[in-house]
Amino acid sequence: FNVPGAAVGVIKDGKVLLNKGYGRQDINKTLAIDSKT
């Protein structure tokens, strides 16, 4: 879908199973998305 970046989180039974970023903050730069973006 031509999306530069995403952040995804999953919590189950009080436990964080996923908490991370994907792709870029800015299509023109190499800065990566993370859980704090």
PDB file of all heavy atoms in Angstrom:
ATOM      1  N   PHE A   1       0.806  -1.218   0.000  1.00  0.00           N
ATOM      2  CA  PHE A   1       0.000   0.000   0.000  1.00  0.00           C
ATOM      3  C   PHE A   1       0.848   1.282   0.000  1.00  0.00           C
ATOM      4  O   PHE A   1       0.318   2.366   0.224  1.00  0.00           O
ATOM      5  CB  PHE A   1      -0.953  -0.001   1.203  1.00  0.00           C
ATOM      6  CG  PHE A   1      -1.993  -1.096   1.143  1.00  0.00           C
ATOM      7  CD1 PHE A   1      -1.876  -2.227   1.930  1.00  0.00           C
ATOM      8  CD2 PHE A   1      -3.079  -0.988   0.285  1.00  0.00           C
ATOM      9  CE1 PHE A   1      -2.831  -3.240   1.873  1.00  0.00           C
ATOM     10  CE2 PHE A   1      -4.042  -1.990   0.226  1.00  0.00           C
ATOM     11  CZ  PHE A   1      -3.916  -3.125   1.018  1.00  0.00           C
ATOM     12  N   ASN A   2       2.144   1.141  -0.249  1.00  0.00           N
ATOM     13  CA  ASN A   2       3.035   2.307  -0.322  1.00  0.00           C
ATOM     14  C   ASN A   2       2.995   3.159   0.952  1.00  0.00           C
ATOM     15  O   ASN A   2       2.888   4.385   0.900  1.00  0.00           O
ATOM     16  CB  ASN A   2       2.692   3.180  -1.533  1.00  0.00           C
ATOM     17  CG  ASN A   2       3.123   2.552  -2.831  1.00  0.00           C
ATOM     18  OD1 ASN A   2       4.106   1.814  -2.874  1.00  0.00           O
ATOM     19  ND2 ASN A   2       2.396   2.830  -3.904  1.00  0.00           N
ATOM     20  N   VAL A   3       3.074   2.509   2.086  1.00  0.00           N
ATOM     21  CA  VAL A   3       3.085   3.189   3.376  1.00  0.00           C
ATOM     22  C   VAL A   3       4.530   3.267   3.877  1.00  0.00           C
ATOM     23  O   VAL A   3       5.203   2.242   3.979  1.00  0.00           O
ATOM     24  CB  VAL A   3       2.218   2.433   4.408  1.00  0.00           C
ATOM     25  CG1 VAL A   3       2.279   3.125   5.768  1.00  0.00           C
ATOM     26  CG2 VAL A   3       0.782   2.331   3.915  1.00  0.00           C
ATOM     27  N   PRO A   4       5.042   4.461   4.203  1.00  0.00           N
ATOM     28  CA  PRO A   4       6.437   4.564   4.658  1.00  0.00           C
ATOM     29  C   PRO A   4       6.712   3.820   5.956  1.00  0.00           C
ATOM     30  O   PRO A   4       7.761   3.192   6.093  1.00  0.00           O
ATOM     31  CB  PRO A   4       6.633   6.077   4.833  1.00  0.00           C
ATOM     32  CG  PRO A   4       5.634   6.693   3.906  1.00  0.00           C
ATOM     33  CD  PRO A   4       4.437   5.784   3.962  1.00  0.00           C
ATOM     34  N   GLY A   5       5.784   3.907   6.938  1.00  0.00           N
ATOM     35  CA  GLY A   5       6.086   3.282   8.210  1.00  0.00           C
ATOM     36  C   GLY A   5       4.873   3.032   9.078  1.00  0.00           C
ATOM     37  O   GLY A   5       3.776   3.525   8.818  1.00  0.00           O
ATOM     38  N   ALA A   6       5.089   2.248  10.140  1.00  0.00           N
ATOM     39  CA  ALA A   6       4.015   1.886  11.066  1.00  0.00           C
ATOM     40  C   ALA A   6       4.596   1.567  12.424  1.00  0.00           C
ATOM     41  O   ALA A   6       5.794   1.290  12.568  1.00  0.00           O
ATOM     42  CB  ALA A   6       3.233   0.680  10.533  1.00  0.00           C
ATOM     43  N   ALA A   7       3.739   1.587  13.430  1.00  0.00           N
ATOM     44  CA  ALA A   7       4.067   1.085  14.765  1.00  0.00           C
ATOM     45  C   ALA A   7       2.916   0.210  15.208  1.00  0.00           C
ATOM     46  O   ALA A   7       1.739   0.567  15.014  1.00  0.00           O
ATOM     47  CB  ALA A   7       4.285   2.236  15.741  1.00  0.00           C
ATOM     48  N   VAL A   8       3.223  -0.942  15.779  1.00  0.00           N
ATOM     49  CA  VAL A   8       2.198  -1.914  16.140  1.00  0.00           C
ATOM     50  C   VAL A   8       2.468  -2.421  17.549  1.00  0.00           C
ATOM     51  O   VAL A   8       3.611  -2.719  17.912  1.00  0.00           O
ATOM     52  CB  VAL A   8       2.180  -3.104  15.151  1.00  0.00           C
ATOM     53  CG1 VAL A   8       1.082  -4.101  15.533  1.00  0.00           C
ATOM     54  CG2 VAL A   8       1.970  -2.611  13.720  1.00  0.00           C
ATOM     55  N   GLY A   9       1.401  -2.516  18.334  1.00  0.00           N
ATOM     56  CA  GLY A   9       1.510  -3.046  19.688  1.00  0.00           C
ATOM     57  C   GLY A   9       0.427  -4.073  19.960  1.00  0.00           C
ATOM     58  O   GLY A   9      -0.710  -3.917  19.504  1.00  0.00           O
ATOM     59  N   VAL A  10       0.785  -5.120  20.714  1.00  0.00           N
ATOM     60  CA  VAL A  10      -0.172  -6.165  21.102  1.00  0.00           C
ATOM     61  C   VAL A  10       0.033  -6.465  22.577  1.00  0.00           C
ATOM     62  O   VAL A  10       1.170  -6.695  23.015  1.00  0.00           O
ATOM     63  CB  VAL A  10       0.023  -7.456  20.283  1.00  0.00           C
ATOM     64  CG1 VAL A  10      -0.989  -8.518  20.718  1.00  0.00           C
ATOM     65  CG2 VAL A  10      -0.109  -7.181  18.791  1.00  0.00           C
ATOM     66  N   ILE A  11      -1.059  -6.461  23.333  1.00  0.00           N
ATOM     67  CA  ILE A  11      -0.995  -6.829  24.744  1.00  0.00           C
ATOM     68  C   ILE A  11      -2.063  -7.879  25.015  1.00  0.00           C
ATOM     69  O   ILE A  11      -3.203  -7.752  24.577  1.00  0.00           O
ATOM     70  CB  ILE A  11      -1.164  -5.599  25.661  1.00  0.00           C
ATOM     71  CG1 ILE A  11      -0.926  -5.978  27.119  1.00  0.00           C
ATOM     72  CG2 ILE A  11      -2.507  -4.915  25.460  1.00  0.00           C
ATOM     73  CD1 ILE A  11      -0.758  -4.791  28.043  1.00  0.00           C
ATOM     74  N   LYS A  12      -1.670  -8.945  25.716  1.00  0.00           N
ATOM     75  CA  LYS A  12      -2.576 -10.068  25.988  1.00  0.00           C
ATOM     76  C   LYS A  12      -2.361 -10.542  27.406  1.00  0.00           C
ATOM     77  O   LYS A  12      -1.222 -10.811  27.817  1.00  0.00           O
ATOM     78  CB  LYS A  12      -2.297 -11.205  25.003  1.00  0.00           C
ATOM     79  CG  LYS A  12      -3.115 -12.478  25.210  1.00  0.00           C
ATOM     80  CD  LYS A  12      -4.524 -12.317  24.669  1.00  0.00           C
ATOM     81  CE  LYS A  12      -5.253 -13.668  24.600  1.00  0.00           C
ATOM     82  NZ  LYS A  12      -5.612 -14.194  25.931  1.00  0.00           N
ATOM     83  N   ASP A  13      -3.459 -10.592  28.173  1.00  0.00           N
ATOM     84  CA  ASP A  13      -3.384 -11.050  29.566  1.00  0.00           C
ATOM     85  C   ASP A  13      -2.358 -10.249  30.364  1.00  0.00           C
ATOM     86  O   ASP A  13      -1.627 -10.795  31.205  1.00  0.00           O
ATOM     87  CB  ASP A  13      -3.045 -12.543  29.618  1.00  0.00           C
ATOM     88  CG  ASP A  13      -4.097 -13.405  28.929  1.00  0.00           C
ATOM     89  OD1 ASP A  13      -5.287 -13.053  29.015  1.00  0.00           O
ATOM     90  OD2 ASP A  13      -3.726 -14.400  28.286  1.00  0.00           O
ATOM     91  N   GLY A  14      -2.301  -8.946  30.090  1.00  0.00           N
ATOM     92  CA  GLY A  14      -1.400  -8.069  30.819  1.00  0.00           C
ATOM     93  C   GLY A  14       0.042  -8.142  30.386  1.00  0.00           C
ATOM     94  O   GLY A  14       0.908  -7.469  30.963  1.00  0.00           O
ATOM     95  N   LYS A  15       0.346  -8.930  29.367  1.00  0.00           N
ATOM     96  CA  LYS A  15       1.714  -9.081  28.894  1.00  0.00           C
ATOM     97  C   LYS A  15       1.849  -8.485  27.496  1.00  0.00           C
ATOM     98  O   LYS A  15       1.055  -8.785  26.605  1.00  0.00           O
ATOM     99  CB  LYS A  15       2.115 -10.561  28.866  1.00  0.00           C
ATOM    100  CG  LYS A  15       3.544 -10.814  28.389  1.00  0.00           C
ATOM    101  CD  LYS A  15       3.867 -12.305  28.366  1.00  0.00           C
ATOM    102  CE  LYS A  15       5.284 -12.550  27.864  1.00  0.00           C
ATOM    103  NZ  LYS A  15       5.621 -14.003  27.809  1.00  0.00           N
ATOM    104  N   VAL A  16       2.865  -7.640  27.308  1.00  0.00           N
ATOM    105  CA  VAL A  16       3.118  -7.043  26.000  1.00  0.00           C
ATOM    106  C   VAL A  16       3.790  -8.077  25.107  1.00  0.00           C
ATOM    107  O   VAL A  16       4.898  -8.545  25.389  1.00  0.00           O
ATOM    108  CB  VAL A  16       3.995  -5.780  26.126  1.00  0.00           C
ATOM    109  CG1 VAL A  16       4.356  -5.250  24.736  1.00  0.00           C
ATOM    110  CG2 VAL A  16       3.264  -4.700  26.916  1.00  0.00           C
ATOM    111  N   LEU A  17       3.100  -8.446  24.034  1.00  0.00           N
ATOM    112  CA  LEU A  17       3.632  -9.426  23.082  1.00  0.00           C
ATOM    113  C   LEU A  17       4.372  -8.768  21.927  1.00  0.00           C
ATOM    114  O   LEU A  17       5.244  -9.391  21.318  1.00  0.00           O
ATOM    115  CB  LEU A  17       2.496 -10.290  22.517  1.00  0.00           C
ATOM    116  CG  LEU A  17       1.640 -11.052  23.526  1.00  0.00           C
ATOM    117  CD1 LEU A  17       0.610 -11.902  22.793  1.00  0.00           C
ATOM    118  CD2 LEU A  17       2.509 -11.926  24.428  1.00  0.00           C
ATOM    119  N   LEU A  18       4.008  -7.536  21.621  1.00  0.00           N
ATOM    120  CA  LEU A  18       4.641  -6.815  20.518  1.00  0.00           C
ATOM    121  C   LEU A  18       4.570  -5.325  20.811  1.00  0.00           C
ATOM    122  O   LEU A  18       3.536  -4.817  21.247  1.00  0.00           O
ATOM    123  CB  LEU A  18       3.925  -7.119  19.201  1.00  0.00           C
ATOM    124  CG  LEU A  18       4.550  -6.521  17.937  1.00  0.00           C
ATOM    125  CD1 LEU A  18       5.856  -7.242  17.598  1.00  0.00           C
ATOM    126  CD2 LEU A  18       3.590  -6.616  16.756  1.00  0.00           C
ATOM    127  N   ASN A  19       5.683  -4.632  20.548  1.00  0.00           N
ATOM    128  CA  ASN A  19       5.757  -3.196  20.809  1.00  0.00           C
ATOM    129  C   ASN A  19       6.920  -2.653  19.984  1.00  0.00           C
ATOM    130  O   ASN A  19       8.037  -2.531  20.465  1.00  0.00           O
ATOM    131  CB  ASN A  19       5.972  -2.941  22.306  1.00  0.00           C
ATOM    132  CG  ASN A  19       6.097  -1.458  22.642  1.00  0.00           C
ATOM    133  OD1 ASN A  19       5.692  -0.603  21.860  1.00  0.00           O
ATOM    134  ND2 ASN A  19       6.666  -1.156  23.806  1.00  0.00           N
ATOM    135  N   LYS A  20       6.666  -2.365  18.703  1.00  0.00           N
ATOM    136  CA  LYS A  20       7.795  -2.003  17.851  1.00  0.00           C
ATOM    137  C   LYS A  20       7.343  -1.189  16.642  1.00  0.00           C
ATOM    138  O   LYS A  20       6.150  -1.085  16.345  1.00  0.00           O
ATOM    139  CB  LYS A  20       8.531  -3.250  17.392  1.00  0.00           C
ATOM    140  CG  LYS A  20       7.741  -4.160  16.460  1.00  0.00           C
ATOM    141  CD  LYS A  20       8.510  -5.448  16.122  1.00  0.00           C
ATOM    142  CE  LYS A  20       9.794  -5.205  15.388  1.00  0.00           C
ATOM    143  NZ  LYS A  20      10.475  -6.457  14.963  1.00  0.00           N
ATOM    144  N   GLY A  21       8.331  -0.641  15.953  1.00  0.00           N
ATOM    145  CA  GLY A  21       8.092   0.134  14.759  1.00  0.00           C
ATOM    146  C   GLY A  21       8.601  -0.571  13.521  1.00  0.00           C
ATOM    147  O   GLY A  21       9.428  -1.490  13.597  1.00  0.00           O
ATOM    148  N   TYR A  22       8.102  -0.097  12.364  1.00  0.00           N
ATOM    149  CA  TYR A  22       8.481  -0.655  11.066  1.00  0.00           C
ATOM    150  C   TYR A  22       8.641   0.491  10.073  1.00  0.00           C
ATOM    151  O   TYR A  22       7.881   1.464  10.094  1.00  0.00           O
ATOM    152  CB  TYR A  22       7.394  -1.603  10.542  1.00  0.00           C
ATOM    153  CG  TYR A  22       7.067  -2.751  11.464  1.00  0.00           C
ATOM    154  CD1 TYR A  22       6.156  -2.583  12.503  1.00  0.00           C
ATOM    155  CD2 TYR A  22       7.656  -3.995  11.288  1.00  0.00           C
ATOM    156  CE1 TYR A  22       5.834  -3.635  13.349  1.00  0.00           C
ATOM    157  CE2 TYR A  22       7.345  -5.057  12.128  1.00  0.00           C
ATOM    158  CZ  TYR A  22       6.433  -4.868  13.161  1.00  0.00           C
ATOM    159  OH  TYR A  22       6.128  -5.914  14.003  1.00  0.00           O
ATOM    160  N   GLY A  23       9.590   0.368   9.197  1.00  0.00           N
ATOM    161  CA  GLY A  23       9.731   1.345   8.137  1.00  0.00           C
ATOM    162  C   GLY A  23      10.280   2.672   8.600  1.00  0.00           C
ATOM    163  O   GLY A  23      10.949   2.775   9.637  1.00  0.00           O
ATOM    164  N   ARG A  24       9.956   3.720   7.828  1.00  0.00           N
ATOM    165  CA  ARG A  24      10.568   5.032   8.014  1.00  0.00           C
ATOM    166  C   ARG A  24       9.623   6.066   8.614  1.00  0.00           C
ATOM    167  O   ARG A  24       8.424   6.070   8.366  1.00  0.00           O
ATOM    168  CB  ARG A  24      11.051   5.568   6.668  1.00  0.00           C
ATOM    169  CG  ARG A  24      12.107   4.750   5.962  1.00  0.00           C
ATOM    170  CD  ARG A  24      12.485   5.427   4.653  1.00  0.00           C
ATOM    171  NE  ARG A  24      13.502   4.687   3.914  1.00  0.00           N
ATOM    172  CZ  ARG A  24      14.026   5.108   2.783  1.00  0.00           C
ATOM    173  NH1 ARG A  24      13.619   6.254   2.256  1.00  0.00           N
ATOM    174  NH2 ARG A  24      14.944   4.390   2.166  1.00  0.00           N
ATOM    175  N   GLN A  25      10.236   6.987   9.373  1.00  0.00           N
ATOM    176  CA  GLN A  25       9.499   8.153   9.847  1.00  0.00           C
ATOM    177  C   GLN A  25       9.160   9.099   8.697  1.00  0.00           C
ATOM    178  O   GLN A  25       8.094   9.719   8.671  1.00  0.00           O
ATOM    179  CB  GLN A  25      10.328   8.932  10.874  1.00  0.00           C
ATOM    180  CG  GLN A  25      10.738   8.160  12.101  1.00  0.00           C
ATOM    181  CD  GLN A  25      11.704   8.949  12.961  1.00  0.00           C
ATOM    182  OE1 GLN A  25      11.717  10.182  12.930  1.00  0.00           O
ATOM    183  NE2 GLN A  25      12.531   8.249  13.730  1.00  0.00           N
ATOM    184  N   ASP A  26      10.070   9.211   7.749  1.00  0.00           N
ATOM    185  CA  ASP A  26       9.994  10.184   6.656  1.00  0.00           C
ATOM    186  C   ASP A  26      10.480   9.481   5.398  1.00  0.00           C
ATOM    187  O   ASP A  26      11.574   8.897   5.381  1.00  0.00           O
ATOM    188  CB  ASP A  26      10.884  11.386   7.004  1.00  0.00           C
ATOM    189  CG  ASP A  26      10.824  12.516   5.990  1.00  0.00           C
ATOM    190  OD1 ASP A  26      10.636  12.242   4.794  1.00  0.00           O
ATOM    191  OD2 ASP A  26      11.004  13.685   6.402  1.00  0.00           O
ATOM    192  N   ILE A  27       9.693   9.533   4.337  1.00  0.00           N
ATOM    193  CA  ILE A  27      10.055   8.836   3.109  1.00  0.00           C
ATOM    194  C   ILE A  27      11.368   9.339   2.525  1.00  0.00           C
ATOM    195  O   ILE A  27      12.052   8.618   1.791  1.00  0.00           O
ATOM    196  CB  ILE A  27       8.918   8.973   2.059  1.00  0.00           C
ATOM    197  CG1 ILE A  27       9.117   7.985   0.906  1.00  0.00           C
ATOM    198  CG2 ILE A  27       8.796  10.400   1.561  1.00  0.00           C
ATOM    199  CD1 ILE A  27       9.047   6.549   1.305  1.00  0.00           C
ATOM    200  N   ASN A  28      11.743  10.581   2.875  1.00  0.00           N
ATOM    201  CA  ASN A  28      12.956  11.180   2.324  1.00  0.00           C
ATOM    202  C   ASN A  28      14.193  10.949   3.188  1.00  0.00           C
ATOM    203  O   ASN A  28      15.280  11.417   2.853  1.00  0.00           O
ATOM    204  CB  ASN A  28      12.748  12.682   2.118  1.00  0.00           C
ATOM    205  CG  ASN A  28      11.589  12.977   1.186  1.00  0.00           C
ATOM    206  OD1 ASN A  28      11.498  12.394   0.111  1.00  0.00           O
ATOM    207  ND2 ASN A  28      10.700  13.876   1.602  1.00  0.00           N
ATOM    208  N   LYS A  29      14.010  10.257   4.318  1.00  0.00           N
ATOM    209  CA  LYS A  29      15.120  10.035   5.235  1.00  0.00           C
ATOM    210  C   LYS A  29      15.159   8.571   5.658  1.00  0.00           C
ATOM    211  O   LYS A  29      14.211   7.818   5.434  1.00  0.00           O
ATOM    212  CB  LYS A  29      14.999  10.943   6.464  1.00  0.00           C
ATOM    213  CG  LYS A  29      14.992  12.439   6.125  1.00  0.00           C
ATOM    214  CD  LYS A  29      14.810  13.285   7.370  1.00  0.00           C
ATOM    215  CE  LYS A  29      14.768  14.774   7.028  1.00  0.00           C
ATOM    216  NZ  LYS A  29      14.580  15.616   8.239  1.00  0.00           N
ATOM    217  N   THR A  30      16.242   8.178   6.289  1.00  0.00           N
ATOM    218  CA  THR A  30      16.405   6.780   6.699  1.00  0.00           C
ATOM    219  C   THR A  30      16.068   6.558   8.169  1.00  0.00           C
ATOM    220  O   THR A  30      16.279   5.462   8.684  1.00  0.00           O
ATOM    221  CB  THR A  30      17.841   6.309   6.434  1.00  0.00           C
ATOM    222  OG1 THR A  30      18.751   7.150   7.144  1.00  0.00           O
ATOM    223  CG2 THR A  30      18.167   6.350   4.947  1.00  0.00           C
ATOM    224  N   LEU A  31      15.533   7.566   8.848  1.00  0.00           N
ATOM    225  CA  LEU A  31      15.201   7.429  10.266  1.00  0.00           C
ATOM    226  C   LEU A  31      14.117   6.375  10.451  1.00  0.00           C
ATOM    227  O   LEU A  31      13.040   6.449   9.866  1.00  0.00           O
ATOM    228  CB  LEU A  31      14.728   8.775  10.822  1.00  0.00           C
ATOM    229  CG  LEU A  31      15.762   9.912  10.822  1.00  0.00           C
ATOM    230  CD1 LEU A  31      15.094  11.232  11.195  1.00  0.00           C
ATOM    231  CD2 LEU A  31      16.894   9.588  11.782  1.00  0.00           C
ATOM    232  N   ALA A  32      14.394   5.404  11.301  1.00  0.00           N
ATOM    233  CA  ALA A  32      13.468   4.284  11.492  1.00  0.00           C
ATOM    234  C   ALA A  32      12.409   4.613  12.540  1.00  0.00           C
ATOM    235  O   ALA A  32      12.664   5.345  13.507  1.00  0.00           O
ATOM    236  CB  ALA A  32      14.243   3.041  11.909  1.00  0.00           C
ATOM    237  N   ILE A  33      11.232   4.062  12.366  1.00  0.00           N
ATOM    238  CA  ILE A  33      10.183   4.145  13.377  1.00  0.00           C
ATOM    239  C   ILE A  33      10.454   3.098  14.445  1.00  0.00           C
ATOM    240  O   ILE A  33      10.835   1.959  14.145  1.00  0.00           O
ATOM    241  CB  ILE A  33       8.799   3.926  12.733  1.00  0.00           C
ATOM    242  CG1 ILE A  33       8.411   5.134  11.870  1.00  0.00           C
ATOM    243  CG2 ILE A  33       7.727   3.675  13.795  1.00  0.00           C
ATOM    244  CD1 ILE A  33       7.113   4.975  11.128  1.00  0.00           C
ATOM    245  N   ASP A  34      10.265   3.492  15.724  1.00  0.00           N
ATOM    246  CA  ASP A  34      10.389   2.547  16.828  1.00  0.00           C
ATOM    247  C   ASP A  34       9.201   2.698  17.759  1.00  0.00           C
ATOM    248  O   ASP A  34       8.238   3.394  17.449  1.00  0.00           O
ATOM    249  CB  ASP A  34      11.733   2.736  17.553  1.00  0.00           C
ATOM    250  CG  ASP A  34      11.918   4.135  18.136  1.00  0.00           C
ATOM    251  OD1 ASP A  34      10.903   4.764  18.525  1.00  0.00           O
ATOM    252  OD2 ASP A  34      13.070   4.603  18.204  1.00  0.00           O
ATOM    253  N   SER A  35       9.262   2.065  18.904  1.00  0.00           N
ATOM    254  CA  SER A  35       8.109   2.068  19.821  1.00  0.00           C
ATOM    255  C   SER A  35       7.872   3.421  20.464  1.00  0.00           C
ATOM    256  O   SER A  35       6.797   3.652  21.030  1.00  0.00           O
ATOM    257  CB  SER A  35       8.312   1.014  20.908  1.00  0.00           C
ATOM    258  OG  SER A  35       9.432   1.341  21.721  1.00  0.00           O
ATOM    259  N   LYS A  36       8.846   4.320  20.392  1.00  0.00           N
ATOM    260  CA  LYS A  36       8.704   5.651  20.996  1.00  0.00           C
ATOM    261  C   LYS A  36       8.386   6.740  19.961  1.00  0.00           C
ATOM    262  O   LYS A  36       8.255   7.907  20.325  1.00  0.00           O
ATOM    263  CB  LYS A  36      10.005   6.016  21.729  1.00  0.00           C
ATOM    264  CG  LYS A  36      10.415   5.043  22.823  1.00  0.00           C
ATOM    265  CD  LYS A  36       9.438   5.039  23.979  1.00  0.00           C
ATOM    266  CE  LYS A  36       9.874   4.094  25.095  1.00  0.00           C
ATOM    267  NZ  LYS A  36      11.112   4.527  25.774  1.00  0.00           N
ATOM    268  N   THR A  37       8.268   6.378  18.694  1.00  0.00           N
ATOM    269  CA  THR A  37       7.981   7.365  17.645  1.00  0.00           C
ATOM    270  C   THR A  37       6.606   7.982  17.864  1.00  0.00           C
ATOM    271  O   THR A  37       5.634   7.276  18.134  1.00  0.00           O
ATOM    272  CB  THR A  37       8.035   6.713  16.257  1.00  0.00           C
ATOM    273  OG1 THR A  37       9.336   6.149  16.053  1.00  0.00           O
ATOM    274  CG2 THR A  37       7.760   7.727  15.162  1.00  0.00           C
TER     275      THR A  37
END
